């Protein structure tokens, strides 16, 4: 009996001690001199490599080959192939030219219109080529890593181009505004993407004389002109000399 009473006292004493300890843990107070009074920034082992640009473009020329696709073209073949070259007079600005040759032929939709309704848009003047002077404003240079082993340098830029779009019967002045992005997988080679909105006068292919019931087909010059907007996406390979 005495033994059991002693055990009970030990258990009650331990419980009181634990309760006091737990209660004390909720009210931790440190001396003022032990509290942090300043913060520190991380220090990179190779700070110079963080500051330096791996891809330096100032004073250099880059040349590009690209494939272009008209995203909003309903009648003509949407593909084009081209080349461009730019002189980078510093890390913020570049100016150059671009030339693109349109693929001949009609779009899948135009072929469907011919099959179902007999509308032959081969009589309409097709776009042949584009020649523009192009200015690039480089707004952001960065780095990204898809894996821990490689780093891809990126360049985001805006574009403003002025030139002409030539159709089979006539050439028209054109203005194009857009955004571009480069992904450098070496210090010289890069993938280049350009999204441009072209604004120019162009012959409208929807001519009533194209109906099968009209015996005399229209000439290329009989199509009316109208201001048109075309969105183009160019994807190409760029080399920095």
C-alpha atoms as a PDB file:
ATOM      1  CA  UNK A   1       0.000   0.000   0.000  1.00  0.00           C
ATOM      2  CA  UNK A   2       2.820   2.378   0.893  1.00  0.00           C
ATOM      3  CA  UNK A   3       4.539   1.421  -2.315  1.00  0.00           C
ATOM      4  CA  UNK A   4       1.479   2.243  -4.400  1.00  0.00           C
ATOM      5  CA  UNK A   5       1.074   5.583  -2.646  1.00  0.00           C
ATOM      6  CA  UNK A   6       4.711   6.451  -3.366  1.00  0.00           C
ATOM      7  CA  UNK A   7       4.146   5.653  -7.065  1.00  0.00           C
ATOM      8  CA  UNK A   8       1.109   7.897  -7.140  1.00  0.00           C
ATOM      9  CA  UNK A   9       3.084  10.786  -5.616  1.00  0.00           C
ATOM     10  CA  UNK A  10       5.875  10.320  -8.174  1.00  0.00           C
ATOM     11  CA  UNK A  11       3.370  10.340 -11.056  1.00  0.00           C
ATOM     12  CA  UNK A  12       1.615  13.465  -9.771  1.00  0.00           C
ATOM     13  CA  UNK A  13       4.954  15.205  -9.237  1.00  0.00           C
ATOM     14  CA  UNK A  14       6.118  14.319 -12.781  1.00  0.00           C
ATOM     15  CA  UNK A  15       2.846  15.561 -14.244  1.00  0.00           C
ATOM     16  CA  UNK A  16       3.181  18.894 -12.426  1.00  0.00           C
ATOM     17  CA  UNK A  17       6.790  19.233 -13.611  1.00  0.00           C
ATOM     18  CA  UNK A  18       5.838  18.549 -17.261  1.00  0.00           C
ATOM     19  CA  UNK A  19       2.962  20.964 -17.085  1.00  0.00           C
ATOM     20  CA  UNK A  20       5.248  23.677 -15.746  1.00  0.00           C
ATOM     21  CA  UNK A  21       7.814  22.960 -18.452  1.00  0.00           C
ATOM     22  CA  UNK A  22       5.173  23.092 -21.206  1.00  0.00           C
ATOM     23  CA  UNK A  23       3.744  26.305 -19.884  1.00  0.00           C
ATOM     24  CA  UNK A  24       7.210  27.795 -19.670  1.00  0.00           C
ATOM     25  CA  UNK A  25       7.855  26.846 -23.346  1.00  0.00           C
ATOM     26  CA  UNK A  26       5.024  29.118 -24.457  1.00  0.00           C
ATOM     27  CA  UNK A  27       6.631  32.160 -22.887  1.00  0.00           C
ATOM     28  CA  UNK A  28      10.193  32.086 -24.156  1.00  0.00           C
ATOM     29  CA  UNK A  29      11.925  35.387 -23.534  1.00  0.00           C
ATOM     30  CA  UNK A  30      15.411  36.099 -24.826  1.00  0.00           C
ATOM     31  CA  UNK A  31      17.737  38.803 -23.603  1.00  0.00           C
ATOM     32  CA  UNK A  32      17.704  41.916 -25.758  1.00  0.00           C
ATOM     33  CA  UNK A  33      21.397  41.550 -26.565  1.00  0.00           C
ATOM     34  CA  UNK A  34      20.692  38.098 -28.070  1.00  0.00           C
ATOM     35  CA  UNK A  35      18.119  39.347 -30.607  1.00  0.00           C
ATOM     36  CA  UNK A  36      19.137  39.893 -34.256  1.00  0.00           C
ATOM     37  CA  UNK A  37      19.786  43.558 -35.028  1.00  0.00           C
ATOM     38  CA  UNK A  38      20.774  43.352 -38.722  1.00  0.00           C
ATOM     39  CA  UNK A  39      20.191  41.198 -41.832  1.00  0.00           C
ATOM     40  CA  UNK A  40      22.721  39.901 -44.326  1.00  0.00           C
ATOM     41  CA  UNK A  41      22.486  39.192 -48.073  1.00  0.00           C
ATOM     42  CA  UNK A  42      23.663  35.920 -49.664  1.00  0.00           C
ATOM     43  CA  UNK A  43      27.195  36.039 -51.031  1.00  0.00           C
ATOM     44  CA  UNK A  44      27.837  34.322 -54.380  1.00  0.00           C
ATOM     45  CA  UNK A  45      31.062  32.431 -54.727  1.00  0.00           C
ATOM     46  CA  UNK A  46      31.463  33.740 -58.311  1.00  0.00           C
ATOM     47  CA  UNK A  47      29.874  37.157 -58.276  1.00  0.00           C
ATOM     48  CA  UNK A  48      31.591  38.193 -61.533  1.00  0.00           C
ATOM     49  CA  UNK A  49      29.859  35.445 -63.505  1.00  0.00           C
ATOM     50  CA  UNK A  50      26.498  36.722 -62.289  1.00  0.00           C
ATOM     51  CA  UNK A  51      27.175  40.258 -63.504  1.00  0.00           C
ATOM     52  CA  UNK A  52      28.642  39.355 -66.898  1.00  0.00           C
ATOM     53  CA  UNK A  53      26.576  38.763 -70.064  1.00  0.00           C
ATOM     54  CA  UNK A  54      27.376  35.540 -71.812  1.00  0.00           C
ATOM     55  CA  UNK A  55      25.907  36.818 -75.100  1.00  0.00           C
ATOM     56  CA  UNK A  56      27.334  40.215 -76.077  1.00  0.00           C
ATOM     57  CA  UNK A  57      25.659  41.735 -79.144  1.00  0.00           C
ATOM     58  CA  UNK A  58      27.002  45.307 -79.203  1.00  0.00           C
ATOM     59  CA  UNK A  59      28.880  46.042 -82.440  1.00  0.00           C
ATOM     60  CA  UNK A  60      28.006  42.650 -83.948  1.00  0.00           C
ATOM     61  CA  UNK A  61      25.797  41.400 -86.814  1.00  0.00           C
ATOM     62  CA  UNK A  62      23.292  38.604 -86.543  1.00  0.00           C
ATOM     63  CA  UNK A  63      21.818  36.767 -89.547  1.00  0.00           C
ATOM     64  CA  UNK A  64      18.631  34.711 -89.535  1.00  0.00           C
ATOM     65  CA  UNK A  65      16.801  32.162 -91.647  1.00  0.00           C
ATOM     66  CA  UNK A  66      13.135  31.694 -90.829  1.00  0.00           C
ATOM     67  CA  UNK A  67       9.849  30.083 -91.730  1.00  0.00           C
ATOM     68  CA  UNK A  68       6.788  32.308 -91.495  1.00  0.00           C
ATOM     69  CA  UNK A  69       3.129  31.501 -91.196  1.00  0.00           C
ATOM     70  CA  UNK A  70       0.189  33.869 -91.702  1.00  0.00           C
ATOM     71  CA  UNK A  71      -2.138  33.077 -88.806  1.00  0.00           C
ATOM     72  CA  UNK A  72      -5.175  34.968 -90.142  1.00  0.00           C
ATOM     73  CA  UNK A  73      -4.919  34.398 -93.909  1.00  0.00           C
ATOM     74  CA  UNK A  74      -8.113  32.728 -95.262  1.00  0.00           C
ATOM     75  CA  UNK A  75      -7.422  32.377 -99.019  1.00  0.00           C
ATOM     76  CA  UNK A  76      -3.756  32.193 -99.935  1.00  0.00           C
ATOM     77  CA  UNK A  77      -1.051  29.742 -98.907  1.00  0.00           C
ATOM     78  CA  UNK A  78      -0.048  30.707 -95.376  1.00  0.00           C
ATOM     79  CA  UNK A  79       3.642  29.738 -95.625  1.00  0.00           C
ATOM     80  CA  UNK A  80       6.624  31.906 -96.427  1.00  0.00           C
ATOM     81  CA  UNK A  81      10.403  31.526 -96.175  1.00  0.00           C
ATOM     82  CA  UNK A  82      12.825  34.326 -95.534  1.00  0.00           C
ATOM     83  CA  UNK A  83      16.076  35.737 -94.258  1.00  0.00           C
ATOM     84  CA  UNK A  84      17.020  38.765 -92.214  1.00  0.00           C
ATOM     85  CA  UNK A  85      20.138  40.490 -90.892  1.00  0.00           C
ATOM     86  CA  UNK A  86      20.659  43.099 -88.156  1.00  0.00           C
ATOM     87  CA  UNK A  87      23.440  45.344 -86.924  1.00  0.00           C
ATOM     88  CA  UNK A  88      23.463  45.737 -83.121  1.00  0.00           C
ATOM     89  CA  UNK A  89      25.003  49.118 -82.403  1.00  0.00           C
ATOM     90  CA  UNK A  90      24.680  48.525 -78.662  1.00  0.00           C
ATOM     91  CA  UNK A  91      22.934  46.164 -76.238  1.00  0.00           C
ATOM     92  CA  UNK A  92      19.603  47.980 -76.573  1.00  0.00           C
ATOM     93  CA  UNK A  93      19.119  48.758 -80.272  1.00  0.00           C
ATOM     94  CA  UNK A  94      19.490  46.943 -83.593  1.00  0.00           C
ATOM     95  CA  UNK A  95      18.439  47.743 -87.135  1.00  0.00           C
ATOM     96  CA  UNK A  96      18.345  45.587 -90.246  1.00  0.00           C
ATOM     97  CA  UNK A  97      16.158  44.208 -92.989  1.00  0.00           C
ATOM     98  CA  UNK A  98      14.021  41.176 -93.634  1.00  0.00           C
ATOM     99  CA  UNK A  99      12.974  39.521 -96.879  1.00  0.00           C
ATOM    100  CA  UNK A 100      10.324  36.812 -97.185  1.00  0.00           C
ATOM    101  CA  UNK A 101       9.090  34.888-100.239  1.00  0.00           C
ATOM    102  CA  UNK A 102       5.514  33.637-100.138  1.00  0.00           C
ATOM    103  CA  UNK A 103       4.616  30.125-101.168  1.00  0.00           C
ATOM    104  CA  UNK A 104       2.375  30.048-104.218  1.00  0.00           C
ATOM    105  CA  UNK A 105      -1.007  28.412-104.161  1.00  0.00           C
ATOM    106  CA  UNK A 106      -4.163  28.570-102.089  1.00  0.00           C
ATOM    107  CA  UNK A 107      -5.136  27.705 -98.560  1.00  0.00           C
ATOM    108  CA  UNK A 108      -7.077  24.598 -97.600  1.00  0.00           C
ATOM    109  CA  UNK A 109     -10.185  26.737 -97.084  1.00  0.00           C
ATOM    110  CA  UNK A 110      -9.938  28.239-100.595  1.00  0.00           C
ATOM    111  CA  UNK A 111      -9.620  24.751-102.085  1.00  0.00           C
ATOM    112  CA  UNK A 112     -12.721  23.716-100.185  1.00  0.00           C
ATOM    113  CA  UNK A 113     -14.616  26.723-101.578  1.00  0.00           C
ATOM    114  CA  UNK A 114     -13.644  25.688-105.087  1.00  0.00           C
ATOM    115  CA  UNK A 115     -14.763  22.096-104.539  1.00  0.00           C
ATOM    116  CA  UNK A 116     -18.133  23.008-103.017  1.00  0.00           C
ATOM    117  CA  UNK A 117     -19.043  26.274-104.785  1.00  0.00           C
ATOM    118  CA  UNK A 118     -16.767  26.489-107.812  1.00  0.00           C
ATOM    119  CA  UNK A 119     -15.057  29.689-106.587  1.00  0.00           C
ATOM    120  CA  UNK A 120     -11.612  29.729-108.187  1.00  0.00           C
ATOM    121  CA  UNK A 121      -9.377  32.127-106.255  1.00  0.00           C
ATOM    122  CA  UNK A 122      -6.456  31.474-108.569  1.00  0.00           C
ATOM    123  CA  UNK A 123      -7.763  34.466-110.540  1.00  0.00           C
ATOM    124  CA  UNK A 124      -7.136  36.756-107.560  1.00  0.00           C
ATOM    125  CA  UNK A 125      -3.672  38.389-107.237  1.00  0.00           C
ATOM    126  CA  UNK A 126      -1.566  36.463-104.725  1.00  0.00           C
ATOM    127  CA  UNK A 127       1.107  37.884-102.384  1.00  0.00           C
ATOM    128  CA  UNK A 128       4.616  37.198-103.678  1.00  0.00           C
ATOM    129  CA  UNK A 129       7.165  38.724-101.311  1.00  0.00           C
ATOM    130  CA  UNK A 130       7.816  41.094 -98.417  1.00  0.00           C
ATOM    131  CA  UNK A 131      10.767  43.443 -97.994  1.00  0.00           C
ATOM    132  CA  UNK A 132      11.060  45.531 -94.815  1.00  0.00           C
ATOM    133  CA  UNK A 133      13.546  47.653 -92.863  1.00  0.00           C
ATOM    134  CA  UNK A 134      13.243  46.466 -89.285  1.00  0.00           C
ATOM    135  CA  UNK A 135      14.171  48.162 -85.985  1.00  0.00           C
ATOM    136  CA  UNK A 136      14.564  46.109 -82.792  1.00  0.00           C
ATOM    137  CA  UNK A 137      14.383  47.532 -79.259  1.00  0.00           C
ATOM    138  CA  UNK A 138      15.898  45.001 -76.864  1.00  0.00           C
ATOM    139  CA  UNK A 139      14.080  45.398 -73.571  1.00  0.00           C
ATOM    140  CA  UNK A 140      15.067  42.405 -71.448  1.00  0.00           C
ATOM    141  CA  UNK A 141      18.065  40.082 -71.256  1.00  0.00           C
ATOM    142  CA  UNK A 142      17.844  37.096 -68.981  1.00  0.00           C
ATOM    143  CA  UNK A 143      18.867  33.538 -68.268  1.00  0.00           C
ATOM    144  CA  UNK A 144      16.865  30.409 -67.699  1.00  0.00           C
ATOM    145  CA  UNK A 145      17.777  26.846 -66.870  1.00  0.00           C
ATOM    146  CA  UNK A 146      15.617  23.877 -67.806  1.00  0.00           C
ATOM    147  CA  UNK A 147      18.084  21.549 -66.128  1.00  0.00           C
ATOM    148  CA  UNK A 148      20.808  22.286 -63.590  1.00  0.00           C
ATOM    149  CA  UNK A 149      23.441  21.421 -66.184  1.00  0.00           C
ATOM    150  CA  UNK A 150      22.674  24.027 -68.891  1.00  0.00           C
ATOM    151  CA  UNK A 151      21.723  27.702 -68.991  1.00  0.00           C
ATOM    152  CA  UNK A 152      19.826  29.334 -71.895  1.00  0.00           C
ATOM    153  CA  UNK A 153      20.222  33.074 -72.414  1.00  0.00           C
ATOM    154  CA  UNK A 154      17.103  34.918 -73.529  1.00  0.00           C
ATOM    155  CA  UNK A 155      16.453  38.217 -75.256  1.00  0.00           C
ATOM    156  CA  UNK A 156      13.028  39.873 -75.439  1.00  0.00           C
ATOM    157  CA  UNK A 157      12.565  42.721 -77.927  1.00  0.00           C
ATOM    158  CA  UNK A 158       9.991  44.829 -79.701  1.00  0.00           C
ATOM    159  CA  UNK A 159      10.034  45.332 -83.480  1.00  0.00           C
ATOM    160  CA  UNK A 160       8.869  48.084 -85.845  1.00  0.00           C
ATOM    161  CA  UNK A 161       9.244  47.475 -89.581  1.00  0.00           C
ATOM    162  CA  UNK A 162       8.500  49.617 -92.621  1.00  0.00           C
ATOM    163  CA  UNK A 163       8.634  48.456 -96.227  1.00  0.00           C
ATOM    164  CA  UNK A 164       6.425  46.882 -98.856  1.00  0.00           C
ATOM    165  CA  UNK A 165       4.340  43.804 -99.626  1.00  0.00           C
ATOM    166  CA  UNK A 166       4.293  42.809-103.296  1.00  0.00           C
ATOM    167  CA  UNK A 167       1.362  41.041-104.919  1.00  0.00           C
ATOM    168  CA  UNK A 168       1.249  39.629-108.457  1.00  0.00           C
ATOM    169  CA  UNK A 169      -0.105  42.881-109.871  1.00  0.00           C
ATOM    170  CA  UNK A 170       1.128  45.598-107.527  1.00  0.00           C
ATOM    171  CA  UNK A 171       3.333  46.490-104.549  1.00  0.00           C
ATOM    172  CA  UNK A 172       1.922  48.214-101.448  1.00  0.00           C
ATOM    173  CA  UNK A 173       3.605  50.108 -98.576  1.00  0.00           C
ATOM    174  CA  UNK A 174       3.406  48.184 -95.308  1.00  0.00           C
ATOM    175  CA  UNK A 175       3.950  48.729 -91.595  1.00  0.00           C
ATOM    176  CA  UNK A 176       4.533  45.897 -89.122  1.00  0.00           C
ATOM    177  CA  UNK A 177       4.705  46.003 -85.321  1.00  0.00           C
ATOM    178  CA  UNK A 178       5.539  43.054 -83.119  1.00  0.00           C
ATOM    179  CA  UNK A 179       7.335  41.265 -80.330  1.00  0.00           C
ATOM    180  CA  UNK A 180      10.256  38.880 -80.573  1.00  0.00           C
ATOM    181  CA  UNK A 181      12.123  36.434 -78.389  1.00  0.00           C
ATOM    182  CA  UNK A 182      15.529  34.821 -78.791  1.00  0.00           C
ATOM    183  CA  UNK A 183      16.721  31.707 -76.981  1.00  0.00           C
ATOM    184  CA  UNK A 184      20.536  31.411 -77.138  1.00  0.00           C
ATOM    185  CA  UNK A 185      21.622  27.817 -76.726  1.00  0.00           C
ATOM    186  CA  UNK A 186      25.249  28.850 -77.378  1.00  0.00           C
ATOM    187  CA  UNK A 187      26.914  32.263 -77.330  1.00  0.00           C
ATOM    188  CA  UNK A 188      26.273  32.521 -81.110  1.00  0.00           C
ATOM    189  CA  UNK A 189      23.359  30.286 -82.090  1.00  0.00           C
ATOM    190  CA  UNK A 190      19.798  31.060 -81.111  1.00  0.00           C
ATOM    191  CA  UNK A 191      16.211  30.240 -81.913  1.00  0.00           C
ATOM    192  CA  UNK A 192      14.321  33.382 -82.882  1.00  0.00           C
ATOM    193  CA  UNK A 193      10.538  33.895 -82.687  1.00  0.00           C
ATOM    194  CA  UNK A 194       8.772  36.947 -84.143  1.00  0.00           C
ATOM    195  CA  UNK A 195       5.075  37.724 -83.852  1.00  0.00           C
ATOM    196  CA  UNK A 196       4.128  40.643 -86.130  1.00  0.00           C
ATOM    197  CA  UNK A 197       0.982  42.481 -87.106  1.00  0.00           C
ATOM    198  CA  UNK A 198       1.191  43.677 -90.732  1.00  0.00           C
ATOM    199  CA  UNK A 199      -0.887  46.636 -91.874  1.00  0.00           C
ATOM    200  CA  UNK A 200      -1.059  47.374 -95.595  1.00  0.00           C
ATOM    201  CA  UNK A 201      -3.357  47.913 -98.540  1.00  0.00           C
ATOM    202  CA  UNK A 202      -4.100  44.680-100.415  1.00  0.00           C
ATOM    203  CA  UNK A 203      -6.424  43.432-103.152  1.00  0.00           C
ATOM    204  CA  UNK A 204      -9.563  41.821-101.757  1.00  0.00           C
ATOM    205  CA  UNK A 205      -9.981  38.344-103.280  1.00  0.00           C
ATOM    206  CA  UNK A 206     -13.747  38.144-102.673  1.00  0.00           C
ATOM    207  CA  UNK A 207     -14.897  39.245-106.126  1.00  0.00           C
ATOM    208  CA  UNK A 208     -18.451  38.346-107.316  1.00  0.00           C
ATOM    209  CA  UNK A 209     -17.054  37.707-110.786  1.00  0.00           C
ATOM    210  CA  UNK A 210     -15.386  34.535-109.467  1.00  0.00           C
ATOM    211  CA  UNK A 211     -18.740  32.735-109.377  1.00  0.00           C
ATOM    212  CA  UNK A 212     -19.047  29.868-111.888  1.00  0.00           C
ATOM    213  CA  UNK A 213     -22.143  31.518-113.374  1.00  0.00           C
ATOM    214  CA  UNK A 214     -20.039  34.486-114.575  1.00  0.00           C
ATOM    215  CA  UNK A 215     -18.472  33.493-117.919  1.00  0.00           C
ATOM    216  CA  UNK A 216     -15.779  36.219-118.032  1.00  0.00           C
ATOM    217  CA  UNK A 217     -13.251  35.977-115.212  1.00  0.00           C
ATOM    218  CA  UNK A 218     -11.809  39.185-113.685  1.00  0.00           C
ATOM    219  CA  UNK A 219      -8.319  40.446-114.409  1.00  0.00           C
ATOM    220  CA  UNK A 220      -5.747  40.814-111.612  1.00  0.00           C
ATOM    221  CA  UNK A 221      -6.091  44.611-111.663  1.00  0.00           C
ATOM    222  CA  UNK A 222      -9.876  44.574-111.305  1.00  0.00           C
ATOM    223  CA  UNK A 223      -9.814  43.568-107.619  1.00  0.00           C
ATOM    224  CA  UNK A 224     -10.492  46.384-105.175  1.00  0.00           C
ATOM    225  CA  UNK A 225      -7.856  47.415-102.618  1.00  0.00           C
ATOM    226  CA  UNK A 226      -8.519  47.689 -98.896  1.00  0.00           C
ATOM    227  CA  UNK A 227      -6.498  48.145 -95.696  1.00  0.00           C
ATOM    228  CA  UNK A 228      -5.817  44.686 -94.301  1.00  0.00           C
ATOM    229  CA  UNK A 229      -4.321  43.361 -91.066  1.00  0.00           C
ATOM    230  CA  UNK A 230      -2.400  40.101 -91.062  1.00  0.00           C
ATOM    231  CA  UNK A 231      -0.792  38.394 -88.074  1.00  0.00           C
ATOM    232  CA  UNK A 232       2.407  36.479 -88.816  1.00  0.00           C
ATOM    233  CA  UNK A 233       4.496  34.147 -86.706  1.00  0.00           C
ATOM    234  CA  UNK A 234       8.110  33.637 -87.807  1.00  0.00           C
ATOM    235  CA  UNK A 235      10.319  30.895 -86.393  1.00  0.00           C
ATOM    236  CA  UNK A 236      13.963  30.780 -87.359  1.00  0.00           C
ATOM    237  CA  UNK A 237      17.579  30.091 -86.624  1.00  0.00           C
ATOM    238  CA  UNK A 238      19.885  33.000 -85.764  1.00  0.00           C
ATOM    239  CA  UNK A 239      23.681  33.246 -85.830  1.00  0.00           C
ATOM    240  CA  UNK A 240      25.644  36.045 -84.195  1.00  0.00           C
ATOM    241  CA  UNK A 241      28.857  36.999 -86.004  1.00  0.00           C
END
